[in-house]
Amino acid sequence: MAKERHVVAEVPADRLLSTDEVGKVLGGTDRYFVNRLINAGMLMALYVGRTKRVPTSVLNRFIAEHVGRDIVKELEAAEAVEASRKAARAAGAAV
């Protein structure tokens, strides 16, 4: 028997959302948290000039994949990995 996936929030699939709008859909988080998700590669975005836009289909998929998981812990782990990579690159450049 296959596991059934539940989507917590569904937004029409033909819109590009600002980081503020994404934050509201994710339960009232701020755009800085959304930018951290994007910068960590956890949430894909389009860059339109100086702004980031998230297609609703990408947001819906992100929500479906993360139901029941702690995205804050996953984000912190992803940021720690990236910090380690940067430190390793800096150490290699200093040699």
PDB file of N, CA and C in Angstrom:
ATOM      1  N   MET A   1       0.837  -1.168   0.000  1.00  0.00           N
ATOM      2  CA  MET A   1       0.000   0.000   0.000  1.00  0.00           C
ATOM      3  C   MET A   1       0.893   1.247   0.000  1.00  0.00           C
ATOM      4  N   ALA A   2       0.691   2.117  -0.945  1.00  0.00           N
ATOM      5  CA  ALA A   2       1.510   3.317  -1.084  1.00  0.00           C
ATOM      6  C   ALA A   2       1.114   4.355  -0.047  1.00  0.00           C
ATOM      7  N   LYS A   3       2.118   5.107   0.403  1.00  0.00           N
ATOM      8  CA  LYS A   3       1.848   6.187   1.348  1.00  0.00           C
ATOM      9  C   LYS A   3       1.136   7.316   0.629  1.00  0.00           C
ATOM     10  N   GLU A   4       0.151   7.875   1.286  1.00  0.00           N
ATOM     11  CA  GLU A   4      -0.567   8.990   0.701  1.00  0.00           C
ATOM     12  C   GLU A   4       0.076  10.287   1.167  1.00  0.00           C
ATOM     13  N   ARG A   5       0.304  11.203   0.249  1.00  0.00           N
ATOM     14  CA  ARG A   5       0.888  12.497   0.586  1.00  0.00           C
ATOM     15  C   ARG A   5      -0.213  13.524   0.692  1.00  0.00           C
ATOM     16  N   HIS A   6      -0.102  14.354   1.686  1.00  0.00           N
ATOM     17  CA  HIS A   6      -1.075  15.420   1.882  1.00  0.00           C
ATOM     18  C   HIS A   6      -0.389  16.761   1.676  1.00  0.00           C
ATOM     19  N   VAL A   7      -1.003  17.604   0.885  1.00  0.00           N
ATOM     20  CA  VAL A   7      -0.481  18.947   0.680  1.00  0.00           C
ATOM     21  C   VAL A   7      -1.163  19.862   1.686  1.00  0.00           C
ATOM     22  N   VAL A   8      -0.370  20.569   2.462  1.00  0.00           N
ATOM     23  CA  VAL A   8      -0.902  21.431   3.515  1.00  0.00           C
ATOM     24  C   VAL A   8      -1.566  22.667   2.926  1.00  0.00           C
ATOM     25  N   ALA A   9      -0.912  23.309   1.981  1.00  0.00           N
ATOM     26  CA  ALA A   9      -1.460  24.519   1.369  1.00  0.00           C
ATOM     27  C   ALA A   9      -1.274  24.418  -0.132  1.00  0.00           C
ATOM     28  N   GLU A  10      -2.243  24.849  -0.859  1.00  0.00           N
ATOM     29  CA  GLU A  10      -2.167  24.800  -2.318  1.00  0.00           C
ATOM     30  C   GLU A  10      -2.485  26.196  -2.845  1.00  0.00           C
ATOM     31  N   VAL A  11      -1.620  26.702  -3.711  1.00  0.00           N
ATOM     32  CA  VAL A  11      -1.796  28.013  -4.322  1.00  0.00           C
ATOM     33  C   VAL A  11      -1.909  27.771  -5.817  1.00  0.00           C
ATOM     34  N   PRO A  12      -2.708  28.549  -6.548  1.00  0.00           N
ATOM     35  CA  PRO A  12      -2.804  28.346  -7.996  1.00  0.00           C
ATOM     36  C   PRO A  12      -1.422  28.270  -8.640  1.00  0.00           C
ATOM     37  N   ALA A  13      -1.233  27.336  -9.573  1.00  0.00           N
ATOM     38  CA  ALA A  13       0.090  27.008 -10.101  1.00  0.00           C
ATOM     39  C   ALA A  13       0.627  27.979 -11.143  1.00  0.00           C
ATOM     40  N   ASP A  14      -0.032  29.072 -11.386  1.00  0.00           N
ATOM     41  CA  ASP A  14       0.427  29.955 -12.452  1.00  0.00           C
ATOM     42  C   ASP A  14       0.948  31.296 -11.954  1.00  0.00           C
ATOM     43  N   ARG A  15       1.361  31.372 -10.708  1.00  0.00           N
ATOM     44  CA  ARG A  15       1.841  32.635 -10.155  1.00  0.00           C
ATOM     45  C   ARG A  15       3.285  32.536  -9.714  1.00  0.00           C
ATOM     46  N   LEU A  16       3.954  33.681  -9.735  1.00  0.00           N
ATOM     47  CA  LEU A  16       5.280  33.813  -9.139  1.00  0.00           C
ATOM     48  C   LEU A  16       5.107  34.608  -7.865  1.00  0.00           C
ATOM     49  N   LEU A  17       5.521  34.017  -6.741  1.00  0.00           N
ATOM     50  CA  LEU A  17       5.320  34.643  -5.440  1.00  0.00           C
ATOM     51  C   LEU A  17       6.587  35.346  -4.965  1.00  0.00           C
ATOM     52  N   SER A  18       6.400  36.477  -4.305  1.00  0.00           N
ATOM     53  CA  SER A  18       7.533  37.158  -3.677  1.00  0.00           C
ATOM     54  C   SER A  18       7.933  36.376  -2.436  1.00  0.00           C
ATOM     55  N   THR A  19       9.086  36.701  -1.893  1.00  0.00           N
ATOM     56  CA  THR A  19       9.521  36.020  -0.674  1.00  0.00           C
ATOM     57  C   THR A  19       8.595  36.349   0.498  1.00  0.00           C
ATOM     58  N   ASP A  20       8.010  37.537   0.516  1.00  0.00           N
ATOM     59  CA  ASP A  20       7.028  37.877   1.551  1.00  0.00           C
ATOM     60  C   ASP A  20       5.791  36.985   1.436  1.00  0.00           C
ATOM     61  N   GLU A  21       5.309  36.788   0.205  1.00  0.00           N
ATOM     62  CA  GLU A  21       4.131  35.938  -0.005  1.00  0.00           C
ATOM     63  C   GLU A  21       4.420  34.487   0.377  1.00  0.00           C
ATOM     64  N   VAL A  22       5.609  34.009   0.036  1.00  0.00           N
ATOM     65  CA  VAL A  22       5.994  32.642   0.396  1.00  0.00           C
ATOM     66  C   VAL A  22       6.013  32.502   1.913  1.00  0.00           C
ATOM     67  N   GLY A  23       6.550  33.501   2.599  1.00  0.00           N
ATOM     68  CA  GLY A  23       6.583  33.481   4.060  1.00  0.00           C
ATOM     69  C   GLY A  23       5.191  33.365   4.661  1.00  0.00           C
ATOM     70  N   LYS A  24       4.233  34.062   4.090  1.00  0.00           N
ATOM     71  CA  LYS A  24       2.858  33.987   4.587  1.00  0.00           C
ATOM     72  C   LYS A  24       2.268  32.599   4.378  1.00  0.00           C
ATOM     73  N   VAL A  25       2.528  32.001   3.216  1.00  0.00           N
ATOM     74  CA  VAL A  25       2.028  30.653   2.938  1.00  0.00           C
ATOM     75  C   VAL A  25       2.664  29.649   3.898  1.00  0.00           C
ATOM     76  N   LEU A  26       3.922  29.864   4.249  1.00  0.00           N
ATOM     77  CA  LEU A  26       4.626  28.944   5.147  1.00  0.00           C
ATOM     78  C   LEU A  26       4.294  29.196   6.617  1.00  0.00           C
ATOM     79  N   GLY A  27       3.238  29.906   6.874  1.00  0.00           N
ATOM     80  CA  GLY A  27       2.789  30.063   8.250  1.00  0.00           C
ATOM     81  C   GLY A  27       3.270  31.317   8.929  1.00  0.00           C
ATOM     82  N   GLY A  28       3.546  32.341   8.167  1.00  0.00           N
ATOM     83  CA  GLY A  28       3.911  33.608   8.769  1.00  0.00           C
ATOM     84  C   GLY A  28       5.395  33.810   9.002  1.00  0.00           C
ATOM     85  N   THR A  29       6.236  33.036   8.325  1.00  0.00           N
ATOM     86  CA  THR A  29       7.674  33.277   8.440  1.00  0.00           C
ATOM     87  C   THR A  29       8.014  34.560   7.676  1.00  0.00           C
ATOM     88  N   ASP A  30       9.159  35.121   7.928  1.00  0.00           N
ATOM     89  CA  ASP A  30       9.518  36.352   7.234  1.00  0.00           C
ATOM     90  C   ASP A  30      10.324  36.055   5.973  1.00  0.00           C
ATOM     91  N   ARG A  31      10.518  37.086   5.175  1.00  0.00           N
ATOM     92  CA  ARG A  31      11.220  36.910   3.895  1.00  0.00           C
ATOM     93  C   ARG A  31      12.676  36.520   4.100  1.00  0.00           C
ATOM     94  N   TYR A  32      13.254  36.871   5.242  1.00  0.00           N
ATOM     95  CA  TYR A  32      14.648  36.515   5.508  1.00  0.00           C
ATOM     96  C   TYR A  32      14.796  35.001   5.654  1.00  0.00           C
ATOM     97  N   PHE A  33      13.828  34.372   6.300  1.00  0.00           N
ATOM     98  CA  PHE A  33      13.838  32.908   6.421  1.00  0.00           C
ATOM     99  C   PHE A  33      13.688  32.277   5.042  1.00  0.00           C
ATOM    100  N   VAL A  34      12.793  32.824   4.229  1.00  0.00           N
ATOM    101  CA  VAL A  34      12.584  32.306   2.868  1.00  0.00           C
ATOM    102  C   VAL A  34      13.870  32.472   2.063  1.00  0.00           C
ATOM    103  N   ASN A  35      14.536  33.608   2.191  1.00  0.00           N
ATOM    104  CA  ASN A  35      15.811  33.817   1.487  1.00  0.00           C
ATOM    105  C   ASN A  35      16.868  32.823   1.947  1.00  0.00           C
ATOM    106  N   ARG A  36      16.865  32.476   3.234  1.00  0.00           N
ATOM    107  CA  ARG A  36      17.802  31.456   3.732  1.00  0.00           C
ATOM    108  C   ARG A  36      17.515  30.111   3.069  1.00  0.00           C
ATOM    109  N   LEU A  37      16.233  29.765   2.935  1.00  0.00           N
ATOM    110  CA  LEU A  37      15.870  28.509   2.261  1.00  0.00           C
ATOM    111  C   LEU A  37      16.360  28.509   0.816  1.00  0.00           C
ATOM    112  N   ILE A  38      16.193  29.636   0.146  1.00  0.00           N
ATOM    113  CA  ILE A  38      16.635  29.756  -1.251  1.00  0.00           C
ATOM    114  C   ILE A  38      18.155  29.677  -1.331  1.00  0.00           C
ATOM    115  N   ASN A  39      18.850  30.433  -0.497  1.00  0.00           N
ATOM    116  CA  ASN A  39      20.321  30.458  -0.527  1.00  0.00           C
ATOM    117  C   ASN A  39      20.928  29.105  -0.185  1.00  0.00           C
ATOM    118  N   ALA A  40      20.228  28.319   0.647  1.00  0.00           N
ATOM    119  CA  ALA A  40      20.714  26.987   1.018  1.00  0.00           C
ATOM    120  C   ALA A  40      20.386  25.940  -0.047  1.00  0.00           C
ATOM    121  N   GLY A  41      19.631  26.333  -1.064  1.00  0.00           N
ATOM    122  CA  GLY A  41      19.281  25.394  -2.128  1.00  0.00           C
ATOM    123  C   GLY A  41      18.105  24.489  -1.785  1.00  0.00           C
ATOM    124  N   MET A  42      17.414  24.773  -0.703  1.00  0.00           N
ATOM    125  CA  MET A  42      16.265  23.952  -0.320  1.00  0.00           C
ATOM    126  C   MET A  42      15.005  24.344  -1.079  1.00  0.00           C
ATOM    127  N   LEU A  43      14.917  25.597  -1.490  1.00  0.00           N
ATOM    128  CA  LEU A  43      13.761  26.120  -2.206  1.00  0.00           C
ATOM    129  C   LEU A  43      14.273  26.825  -3.457  1.00  0.00           C
ATOM    130  N   MET A  44      13.795  26.410  -4.599  1.00  0.00           N
ATOM    131  CA  MET A  44      14.251  26.994  -5.858  1.00  0.00           C
ATOM    132  C   MET A  44      13.491  28.283  -6.150  1.00  0.00           C
ATOM    133  N   ALA A  45      14.175  29.244  -6.759  1.00  0.00           N
ATOM    134  CA  ALA A  45      13.564  30.535  -7.064  1.00  0.00           C
ATOM    135  C   ALA A  45      14.070  31.050  -8.401  1.00  0.00           C
ATOM    136  N   LEU A  46      13.311  31.951  -8.961  1.00  0.00           N
ATOM    137  CA  LEU A  46      13.722  32.681 -10.156  1.00  0.00           C
ATOM    138  C   LEU A  46      14.208  34.051  -9.705  1.00  0.00           C
ATOM    139  N   TYR A  47      15.248  34.531 -10.326  1.00  0.00           N
ATOM    140  CA  TYR A  47      15.717  35.871 -10.029  1.00  0.00           C
ATOM    141  C   TYR A  47      15.192  36.788 -11.119  1.00  0.00           C
ATOM    142  N   VAL A  48      14.400  37.768 -10.724  1.00  0.00           N
ATOM    143  CA  VAL A  48      13.834  38.745 -11.648  1.00  0.00           C
ATOM    144  C   VAL A  48      14.413  40.091 -11.248  1.00  0.00           C
ATOM    145  N   GLY A  49      15.444  40.497 -11.973  1.00  0.00           N
ATOM    146  CA  GLY A  49      16.159  41.693 -11.551  1.00  0.00           C
ATOM    147  C   GLY A  49      16.815  41.433 -10.211  1.00  0.00           C
ATOM    148  N   ARG A  50      16.504  42.267  -9.232  1.00  0.00           N
ATOM    149  CA  ARG A  50      17.082  42.107  -7.899  1.00  0.00           C
ATOM    150  C   ARG A  50      16.162  41.343  -6.952  1.00  0.00           C
ATOM    151  N   THR A  51      15.035  40.891  -7.453  1.00  0.00           N
ATOM    152  CA  THR A  51      14.092  40.187  -6.578  1.00  0.00           C
ATOM    153  C   THR A  51      14.069  38.700  -6.881  1.00  0.00           C
ATOM    154  N   LYS A  52      13.661  37.940  -5.887  1.00  0.00           N
ATOM    155  CA  LYS A  52      13.519  36.496  -6.047  1.00  0.00           C
ATOM    156  C   LYS A  52      12.043  36.173  -6.090  1.00  0.00           C
ATOM    157  N   ARG A  53      11.659  35.297  -6.996  1.00  0.00           N
ATOM    158  CA  ARG A  53      10.269  34.858  -7.134  1.00  0.00           C
ATOM    159  C   ARG A  53      10.240  33.343  -7.104  1.00  0.00           C
ATOM    160  N   VAL A  54       9.259  32.807  -6.402  1.00  0.00           N
ATOM    161  CA  VAL A  54       9.103  31.366  -6.284  1.00  0.00           C
ATOM    162  C   VAL A  54       7.825  30.962  -7.000  1.00  0.00           C
ATOM    163  N   PRO A  55       7.912  30.108  -8.026  1.00  0.00           N
ATOM    164  CA  PRO A  55       6.701  29.626  -8.685  1.00  0.00           C
ATOM    165  C   PRO A  55       5.847  28.830  -7.690  1.00  0.00           C
ATOM    166  N   THR A  56       4.546  28.996  -7.782  1.00  0.00           N
ATOM    167  CA  THR A  56       3.670  28.303  -6.837  1.00  0.00           C
ATOM    168  C   THR A  56       3.808  26.792  -6.935  1.00  0.00           C
ATOM    169  N   SER A  57       4.083  26.285  -8.134  1.00  0.00           N
ATOM    170  CA  SER A  57       4.262  24.833  -8.259  1.00  0.00           C
ATOM    171  C   SER A  57       5.478  24.361  -7.463  1.00  0.00           C
ATOM    172  N   VAL A  58       6.546  25.155  -7.438  1.00  0.00           N
ATOM    173  CA  VAL A  58       7.746  24.825  -6.659  1.00  0.00           C
ATOM    174  C   VAL A  58       7.428  24.877  -5.169  1.00  0.00           C
ATOM    175  N   LEU A  59       6.688  25.903  -4.755  1.00  0.00           N
ATOM    176  CA  LEU A  59       6.314  26.024  -3.347  1.00  0.00           C
ATOM    177  C   LEU A  59       5.425  24.858  -2.912  1.00  0.00           C
ATOM    178  N   ASN A  60       4.453  24.503  -3.749  1.00  0.00           N
ATOM    179  CA  ASN A  60       3.569  23.378  -3.410  1.00  0.00           C
ATOM    180  C   ASN A  60       4.354  22.083  -3.272  1.00  0.00           C
ATOM    181  N   ARG A  61       5.328  21.851  -4.155  1.00  0.00           N
ATOM    182  CA  ARG A  61       6.163  20.650  -4.074  1.00  0.00           C
ATOM    183  C   ARG A  61       7.012  20.669  -2.803  1.00  0.00           C
ATOM    184  N   PHE A  62       7.586  21.827  -2.485  1.00  0.00           N
ATOM    185  CA  PHE A  62       8.388  21.976  -1.268  1.00  0.00           C
ATOM    186  C   PHE A  62       7.553  21.631  -0.036  1.00  0.00           C
ATOM    187  N   ILE A  63       6.342  22.156   0.024  1.00  0.00           N
ATOM    188  CA  ILE A  63       5.463  21.893   1.164  1.00  0.00           C
ATOM    189  C   ILE A  63       5.149  20.409   1.256  1.00  0.00           C
ATOM    190  N   ALA A  64       4.787  19.796   0.133  1.00  0.00           N
ATOM    191  CA  ALA A  64       4.439  18.369   0.134  1.00  0.00           C
ATOM    192  C   ALA A  64       5.608  17.507   0.586  1.00  0.00           C
ATOM    193  N   GLU A  65       6.825  17.873   0.181  1.00  0.00           N
ATOM    194  CA  GLU A  65       8.010  17.090   0.533  1.00  0.00           C
ATOM    195  C   GLU A  65       8.437  17.282   1.981  1.00  0.00           C
ATOM    196  N   HIS A  66       7.993  18.351   2.627  1.00  0.00           N
ATOM    197  CA  HIS A  66       8.465  18.653   3.974  1.00  0.00           C
ATOM    198  C   HIS A  66       7.387  18.533   5.053  1.00  0.00           C
ATOM    199  N   VAL A  67       6.224  18.003   4.703  1.00  0.00           N
ATOM    200  CA  VAL A  67       5.176  17.821   5.707  1.00  0.00           C
ATOM    201  C   VAL A  67       5.693  16.882   6.791  1.00  0.00           C
ATOM    202  N   GLY A  68       5.559  17.294   8.034  1.00  0.00           N
ATOM    203  CA  GLY A  68       5.986  16.469   9.158  1.00  0.00           C
ATOM    204  C   GLY A  68       7.466  16.541   9.475  1.00  0.00           C
ATOM    205  N   ARG A  69       8.207  17.367   8.746  1.00  0.00           N
ATOM    206  CA  ARG A  69       9.645  17.493   8.991  1.00  0.00           C
ATOM    207  C   ARG A  69       9.945  18.884   9.546  1.00  0.00           C
ATOM    208  N   ASP A  70      11.034  18.987  10.253  1.00  0.00           N
ATOM    209  CA  ASP A  70      11.448  20.267  10.838  1.00  0.00           C
ATOM    210  C   ASP A  70      12.364  20.975   9.845  1.00  0.00           C
ATOM    211  N   ILE A  71      11.808  21.918   9.088  1.00  0.00           N
ATOM    212  CA  ILE A  71      12.618  22.567   8.061  1.00  0.00           C
ATOM    213  C   ILE A  71      13.656  23.508   8.664  1.00  0.00           C
ATOM    214  N   VAL A  72      13.428  23.968   9.879  1.00  0.00           N
ATOM    215  CA  VAL A  72      14.432  24.829  10.522  1.00  0.00           C
ATOM    216  C   VAL A  72      15.695  24.018  10.786  1.00  0.00           C
ATOM    217  N   LYS A  73      15.549  22.805  11.316  1.00  0.00           N
ATOM    218  CA  LYS A  73      16.724  21.953  11.560  1.00  0.00           C
ATOM    219  C   LYS A  73      17.408  21.580  10.252  1.00  0.00           C
ATOM    220  N   GLU A  74      16.615  21.269   9.217  1.00  0.00           N
ATOM    221  CA  GLU A  74      17.207  20.929   7.924  1.00  0.00           C
ATOM    222  C   GLU A  74      17.957  22.120   7.342  1.00  0.00           C
ATOM    223  N   LEU A  75      17.387  23.316   7.501  1.00  0.00           N
ATOM    224  CA  LEU A  75      18.043  24.528   7.006  1.00  0.00           C
ATOM    225  C   LEU A  75      19.352  24.770   7.749  1.00  0.00           C
ATOM    226  N   GLU A  76      19.325  24.642   9.057  1.00  0.00           N
ATOM    227  CA  GLU A  76      20.544  24.846   9.839  1.00  0.00           C
ATOM    228  C   GLU A  76      21.624  23.842   9.456  1.00  0.00           C
ATOM    229  N   ALA A  77      21.231  22.592   9.186  1.00  0.00           N
ATOM    230  CA  ALA A  77      22.198  21.579   8.758  1.00  0.00           C
ATOM    231  C   ALA A  77      22.780  21.941   7.393  1.00  0.00           C
ATOM    232  N   ALA A  78      21.935  22.385   6.467  1.00  0.00           N
ATOM    233  CA  ALA A  78      22.404  22.771   5.137  1.00  0.00           C
ATOM    234  C   ALA A  78      23.350  23.968   5.225  1.00  0.00           C
ATOM    235  N   GLU A  79      23.031  24.924   6.086  1.00  0.00           N
ATOM    236  CA  GLU A  79      23.902  26.091   6.254  1.00  0.00           C
ATOM    237  C   GLU A  79      25.229  25.700   6.896  1.00  0.00           C
ATOM    238  N   ALA A  80      25.214  24.741   7.805  1.00  0.00           N
ATOM    239  CA  ALA A  80      26.458  24.279   8.430  1.00  0.00           C
ATOM    240  C   ALA A  80      27.359  23.599   7.408  1.00  0.00           C
ATOM    241  N   VAL A  81      26.766  22.813   6.525  1.00  0.00           N
ATOM    242  CA  VAL A  81      27.538  22.152   5.463  1.00  0.00           C
ATOM    243  C   VAL A  81      28.171  23.201   4.555  1.00  0.00           C
ATOM    244  N   GLU A  82      27.393  24.204   4.183  1.00  0.00           N
ATOM    245  CA  GLU A  82      27.918  25.254   3.312  1.00  0.00           C
ATOM    246  C   GLU A  82      29.035  26.035   4.007  1.00  0.00           C
ATOM    247  N   ALA A  83      28.889  26.301   5.294  1.00  0.00           N
ATOM    248  CA  ALA A  83      29.938  27.008   6.049  1.00  0.00           C
ATOM    249  C   ALA A  83      31.219  26.178   6.086  1.00  0.00           C
ATOM    250  N   SER A  84      31.080  24.863   6.243  1.00  0.00           N
ATOM    251  CA  SER A  84      32.249  23.979   6.239  1.00  0.00           C
ATOM    252  C   SER A  84      32.949  24.006   4.889  1.00  0.00           C
ATOM    253  N   ARG A  85      32.146  23.998   3.829  1.00  0.00           N
ATOM    254  CA  ARG A  85      32.729  24.053   2.476  1.00  0.00           C
ATOM    255  C   ARG A  85      33.493  25.351   2.266  1.00  0.00           C
ATOM    256  N   LYS A  86      32.893  26.466   2.719  1.00  0.00           N
ATOM    257  CA  LYS A  86      33.570  27.762   2.566  1.00  0.00           C
ATOM    258  C   LYS A  86      34.871  27.786   3.350  1.00  0.00           C
ATOM    259  N   ALA A  87      34.863  27.243   4.562  1.00  0.00           N
ATOM    260  CA  ALA A  87      36.069  27.210   5.388  1.00  0.00           C
ATOM    261  C   ALA A  87      37.140  26.348   4.725  1.00  0.00           C
ATOM    262  N   ALA A  88      36.738  25.226   4.160  1.00  0.00           N
ATOM    263  CA  ALA A  88      37.688  24.340   3.483  1.00  0.00           C
ATOM    264  C   ALA A  88      38.292  25.029   2.256  1.00  0.00           C
ATOM    265  N   ARG A  89      37.443  25.739   1.499  1.00  0.00           N
ATOM    266  CA  ARG A  89      37.953  26.476   0.323  1.00  0.00           C
ATOM    267  C   ARG A  89      38.916  27.568   0.743  1.00  0.00           C
ATOM    268  N   ALA A  90      38.580  28.269   1.845  1.00  0.00           N
ATOM    269  CA  ALA A  90      39.454  29.336   2.334  1.00  0.00           C
ATOM    270  C   ALA A  90      40.792  28.779   2.818  1.00  0.00           C
ATOM    271  N   ALA A  91      40.726  27.635   3.498  1.00  0.00           N
ATOM    272  CA  ALA A  91      41.958  27.010   3.976  1.00  0.00           C
ATOM    273  C   ALA A  91      42.814  26.543   2.816  1.00  0.00           C
ATOM    274  N   GLY A  92      42.180  26.017   1.771  1.00  0.00           N
ATOM    275  CA  GLY A  92      42.919  25.574   0.586  1.00  0.00           C
ATOM    276  C   GLY A  92      43.536  26.726  -0.152  1.00  0.00           C
ATOM    277  N   ALA A  93      42.855  27.858  -0.184  1.00  0.00           N
ATOM    278  CA  ALA A  93      43.375  29.042  -0.866  1.00  0.00           C
ATOM    279  C   ALA A  93      44.517  29.661  -0.096  1.00  0.00           C
ATOM    280  N   ALA A  94      44.526  29.478   1.232  1.00  0.00           N
ATOM    281  CA  ALA A  94      45.562  30.088   2.060  1.00  0.00           C
ATOM    282  C   ALA A  94      46.871  29.306   2.023  1.00  0.00           C
ATOM    283  N   VAL A  95      46.800  28.063   1.532  1.00  0.00           N
ATOM    284  CA  VAL A  95      48.005  27.201   1.519  1.00  0.00           C
ATOM    285  C   VAL A  95      48.973  27.630   0.468  1.00  0.00           C
TER     286      VAL A  95
END
